[in-house]
Amino acid sequence: MTDFYERALRRIIRITICLGLAGTLAALVAGGPRAGAGFLAGSLISLVNFRFWMSLAAALGGGSGKPPLRGSATFLGLRYLIVGGAIYAIVKVLEISLAAVLIGLFVSVAAIIIEILYELIYARA
């Protein structure tokens, strides 16, 4: 992987963390502790999912230098069931706001869009 992509991925991760923290504080102020906890849980799931996609892409592209894990194909198929079960447990057992969790899941998408805008504005030829 080139240095350009590594820097972009590091920025995306930092932006995701910053958006997750800022969104958690905003949800905490606007909706109370359950909304803040829900947004934090959603943003953490979003970050873990993004990291998984990064490692999968590196393994497929040969960028990691090590062979892909055998269980990764199984985990790829079961991942959405695991995430769905985690969200169900968060909402039902902990009684945390479903809307806040779902909004938190979009944190990495927002970070990618911000990174795209950053590259469009500050692109160096």
C-alpha atoms as a PDB file:
ATOM      1  CA  MET A   1       0.000   0.000   0.000  1.00  0.00           C
ATOM      2  CA  THR A   2       1.340   3.399  -0.854  1.00  0.00           C
ATOM      3  CA  ASP A   3       2.055   6.151   1.598  1.00  0.00           C
ATOM      4  CA  PHE A   4      -0.844   8.193   0.181  1.00  0.00           C
ATOM      5  CA  TYR A   5      -3.391   5.521   1.052  1.00  0.00           C
ATOM      6  CA  GLU A   6      -1.898   4.841   4.468  1.00  0.00           C
ATOM      7  CA  ARG A   7      -2.134   8.538   5.352  1.00  0.00           C
ATOM      8  CA  ALA A   8      -5.725   8.692   4.076  1.00  0.00           C
ATOM      9  CA  LEU A   9      -6.706   5.641   6.124  1.00  0.00           C
ATOM     10  CA  ARG A  10      -5.080   7.085   9.254  1.00  0.00           C
ATOM     11  CA  ARG A  11      -6.989  10.333   8.708  1.00  0.00           C
ATOM     12  CA  ILE A  12     -10.255   8.440   8.244  1.00  0.00           C
ATOM     13  CA  ILE A  13      -9.720   6.595  11.514  1.00  0.00           C
ATOM     14  CA  ARG A  14      -8.882   9.839  13.366  1.00  0.00           C
ATOM     15  CA  ILE A  15     -11.907  11.587  11.853  1.00  0.00           C
ATOM     16  CA  THR A  16     -14.118   8.631  12.814  1.00  0.00           C
ATOM     17  CA  ILE A  17     -12.918   8.798  16.414  1.00  0.00           C
ATOM     18  CA  CYS A  18     -13.398  12.577  16.571  1.00  0.00           C
ATOM     19  CA  LEU A  19     -16.879  12.382  15.042  1.00  0.00           C
ATOM     20  CA  GLY A  20     -17.785   9.567  17.432  1.00  0.00           C
ATOM     21  CA  LEU A  21     -16.700  11.575  20.464  1.00  0.00           C
ATOM     22  CA  ALA A  22     -18.331  14.795  19.258  1.00  0.00           C
ATOM     23  CA  GLY A  23     -21.544  12.988  18.360  1.00  0.00           C
ATOM     24  CA  THR A  24     -21.588  11.216  21.713  1.00  0.00           C
ATOM     25  CA  LEU A  25     -21.292  14.541  23.527  1.00  0.00           C
ATOM     26  CA  ALA A  26     -24.003  16.081  21.355  1.00  0.00           C
ATOM     27  CA  ALA A  27     -26.328  13.116  21.905  1.00  0.00           C
ATOM     28  CA  LEU A  28     -25.585  13.202  25.613  1.00  0.00           C
ATOM     29  CA  VAL A  29     -26.557  16.861  25.824  1.00  0.00           C
ATOM     30  CA  ALA A  30     -29.565  16.595  23.507  1.00  0.00           C
ATOM     31  CA  GLY A  31     -31.008  13.233  24.505  1.00  0.00           C
ATOM     32  CA  GLY A  32     -29.492  12.252  27.809  1.00  0.00           C
ATOM     33  CA  PRO A  33     -27.228   9.402  28.858  1.00  0.00           C
ATOM     34  CA  ARG A  34     -29.068   6.665  26.946  1.00  0.00           C
ATOM     35  CA  ALA A  35     -28.816   8.560  23.671  1.00  0.00           C
ATOM     36  CA  GLY A  36     -25.143   9.293  24.324  1.00  0.00           C
ATOM     37  CA  ALA A  37     -24.438   5.647  25.106  1.00  0.00           C
ATOM     38  CA  GLY A  38     -26.337   4.569  22.004  1.00  0.00           C
ATOM     39  CA  PHE A  39     -24.385   6.883  19.735  1.00  0.00           C
ATOM     40  CA  LEU A  40     -21.120   5.770  21.314  1.00  0.00           C
ATOM     41  CA  ALA A  41     -22.031   2.104  20.831  1.00  0.00           C
ATOM     42  CA  GLY A  42     -23.005   2.702  17.200  1.00  0.00           C
ATOM     43  CA  SER A  43     -19.831   4.635  16.450  1.00  0.00           C
ATOM     44  CA  LEU A  44     -17.671   1.927  18.048  1.00  0.00           C
ATOM     45  CA  ILE A  45     -19.383  -0.748  15.941  1.00  0.00           C
ATOM     46  CA  SER A  46     -18.824   1.474  12.902  1.00  0.00           C
ATOM     47  CA  LEU A  47     -15.113   1.857  13.694  1.00  0.00           C
ATOM     48  CA  VAL A  48     -14.633  -1.888  14.245  1.00  0.00           C
ATOM     49  CA  ASN A  49     -16.457  -2.609  10.984  1.00  0.00           C
ATOM     50  CA  PHE A  50     -14.248  -0.144   9.094  1.00  0.00           C
ATOM     51  CA  ARG A  51     -11.110  -1.686  10.592  1.00  0.00           C
ATOM     52  CA  PHE A  52     -12.336  -5.124   9.524  1.00  0.00           C
ATOM     53  CA  TRP A  53     -12.854  -3.927   5.948  1.00  0.00           C
ATOM     54  CA  MET A  54      -9.346  -2.422   5.985  1.00  0.00           C
ATOM     55  CA  SER A  55      -7.782  -5.708   7.061  1.00  0.00           C
ATOM     56  CA  LEU A  56      -9.840  -7.680   4.550  1.00  0.00           C
ATOM     57  CA  ALA A  57      -8.806  -5.350   1.712  1.00  0.00           C
ATOM     58  CA  ALA A  58      -5.162  -5.585   2.769  1.00  0.00           C
ATOM     59  CA  ALA A  59      -5.348  -9.385   2.862  1.00  0.00           C
ATOM     60  CA  LEU A  60      -6.992  -9.578  -0.559  1.00  0.00           C
ATOM     61  CA  GLY A  61      -4.596  -7.062  -2.063  1.00  0.00           C
ATOM     62  CA  GLY A  62      -1.530  -8.686  -0.563  1.00  0.00           C
ATOM     63  CA  GLY A  63      -0.693  -5.519   1.354  1.00  0.00           C
ATOM     64  CA  SER A  64      -0.453  -7.143   4.767  1.00  0.00           C
ATOM     65  CA  GLY A  65       2.297  -9.615   3.895  1.00  0.00           C
ATOM     66  CA  LYS A  66       0.509 -12.469   5.667  1.00  0.00           C
ATOM     67  CA  PRO A  67      -2.042 -14.938   4.325  1.00  0.00           C
ATOM     68  CA  PRO A  68      -5.721 -14.220   4.964  1.00  0.00           C
ATOM     69  CA  LEU A  69      -7.284 -15.908   7.971  1.00  0.00           C
ATOM     70  CA  ARG A  70      -9.311 -19.043   7.266  1.00  0.00           C
ATOM     71  CA  GLY A  71     -12.188 -17.896   9.428  1.00  0.00           C
ATOM     72  CA  SER A  72     -12.430 -14.500   7.778  1.00  0.00           C
ATOM     73  CA  ALA A  73     -14.827 -15.764   5.077  1.00  0.00           C
ATOM     74  CA  THR A  74     -17.083 -17.235   7.748  1.00  0.00           C
ATOM     75  CA  PHE A  75     -16.850 -14.070   9.794  1.00  0.00           C
ATOM     76  CA  LEU A  76     -17.630 -12.022   6.685  1.00  0.00           C
ATOM     77  CA  GLY A  77     -20.883 -13.904   6.285  1.00  0.00           C
ATOM     78  CA  LEU A  78     -21.810 -13.884   9.951  1.00  0.00           C
ATOM     79  CA  ARG A  79     -20.709 -10.341  10.698  1.00  0.00           C
ATOM     80  CA  TYR A  80     -24.088  -8.759  10.061  1.00  0.00           C
ATOM     81  CA  LEU A  81     -25.800 -11.329  12.258  1.00  0.00           C
ATOM     82  CA  ILE A  82     -23.306 -10.565  15.023  1.00  0.00           C
ATOM     83  CA  VAL A  83     -23.805  -6.806  14.622  1.00  0.00           C
ATOM     84  CA  GLY A  84     -27.580  -7.254  14.546  1.00  0.00           C
ATOM     85  CA  GLY A  85     -27.436  -9.327  17.719  1.00  0.00           C
ATOM     86  CA  ALA A  86     -25.242  -6.742  19.408  1.00  0.00           C
ATOM     87  CA  ILE A  87     -27.616  -3.931  18.455  1.00  0.00           C
ATOM     88  CA  TYR A  88     -30.599  -5.958  19.676  1.00  0.00           C
ATOM     89  CA  ALA A  89     -28.870  -6.549  23.014  1.00  0.00           C
ATOM     90  CA  ILE A  90     -27.902  -2.884  23.313  1.00  0.00           C
ATOM     91  CA  VAL A  91     -31.437  -1.701  22.629  1.00  0.00           C
ATOM     92  CA  LYS A  92     -33.481  -4.336  24.472  1.00  0.00           C
ATOM     93  CA  VAL A  93     -31.306  -5.271  27.434  1.00  0.00           C
ATOM     94  CA  LEU A  94     -29.675  -1.921  28.137  1.00  0.00           C
ATOM     95  CA  GLU A  95     -32.715   0.080  26.936  1.00  0.00           C
ATOM     96  CA  ILE A  96     -30.598   2.424  24.871  1.00  0.00           C
ATOM     97  CA  SER A  97     -32.030   4.524  22.036  1.00  0.00           C
ATOM     98  CA  LEU A  98     -32.177   2.611  18.733  1.00  0.00           C
ATOM     99  CA  ALA A  99     -32.095   5.845  16.721  1.00  0.00           C
ATOM    100  CA  ALA A 100     -28.864   6.931  18.420  1.00  0.00           C
ATOM    101  CA  VAL A 101     -27.242   3.557  17.722  1.00  0.00           C
ATOM    102  CA  LEU A 102     -28.278   3.658  14.066  1.00  0.00           C
ATOM    103  CA  ILE A 103     -27.014   7.217  13.635  1.00  0.00           C
ATOM    104  CA  GLY A 104     -23.734   6.216  15.285  1.00  0.00           C
ATOM    105  CA  LEU A 105     -23.317   3.433  12.726  1.00  0.00           C
ATOM    106  CA  PHE A 106     -22.896   6.074  10.020  1.00  0.00           C
ATOM    107  CA  VAL A 107     -19.874   7.728  11.654  1.00  0.00           C
ATOM    108  CA  SER A 108     -17.305   5.973   9.468  1.00  0.00           C
ATOM    109  CA  VAL A 109     -19.327   6.834   6.346  1.00  0.00           C
ATOM    110  CA  ALA A 110     -19.266  10.501   7.379  1.00  0.00           C
ATOM    111  CA  ALA A 111     -15.511  10.242   8.005  1.00  0.00           C
ATOM    112  CA  ILE A 112     -14.962   8.829   4.516  1.00  0.00           C
ATOM    113  CA  ILE A 113     -16.989  11.659   2.978  1.00  0.00           C
ATOM    114  CA  ILE A 114     -14.977  14.226   4.959  1.00  0.00           C
ATOM    115  CA  GLU A 115     -11.752  12.577   3.756  1.00  0.00           C
ATOM    116  CA  ILE A 116     -12.978  12.746   0.146  1.00  0.00           C
ATOM    117  CA  LEU A 117     -13.749  16.445   0.556  1.00  0.00           C
ATOM    118  CA  TYR A 118     -10.339  16.993   2.176  1.00  0.00           C
ATOM    119  CA  GLU A 119      -8.600  15.333  -0.764  1.00  0.00           C
ATOM    120  CA  LEU A 120     -10.650  17.338  -3.275  1.00  0.00           C
ATOM    121  CA  ILE A 121      -9.791  20.611  -1.573  1.00  0.00           C
ATOM    122  CA  TYR A 122      -6.145  19.931  -0.724  1.00  0.00           C
ATOM    123  CA  ALA A 123      -5.196  17.632  -3.625  1.00  0.00           C
ATOM    124  CA  ARG A 124      -1.592  17.874  -4.630  1.00  0.00           C
ATOM    125  CA  ALA A 125      -0.662  16.866  -8.147  1.00  0.00           C
END
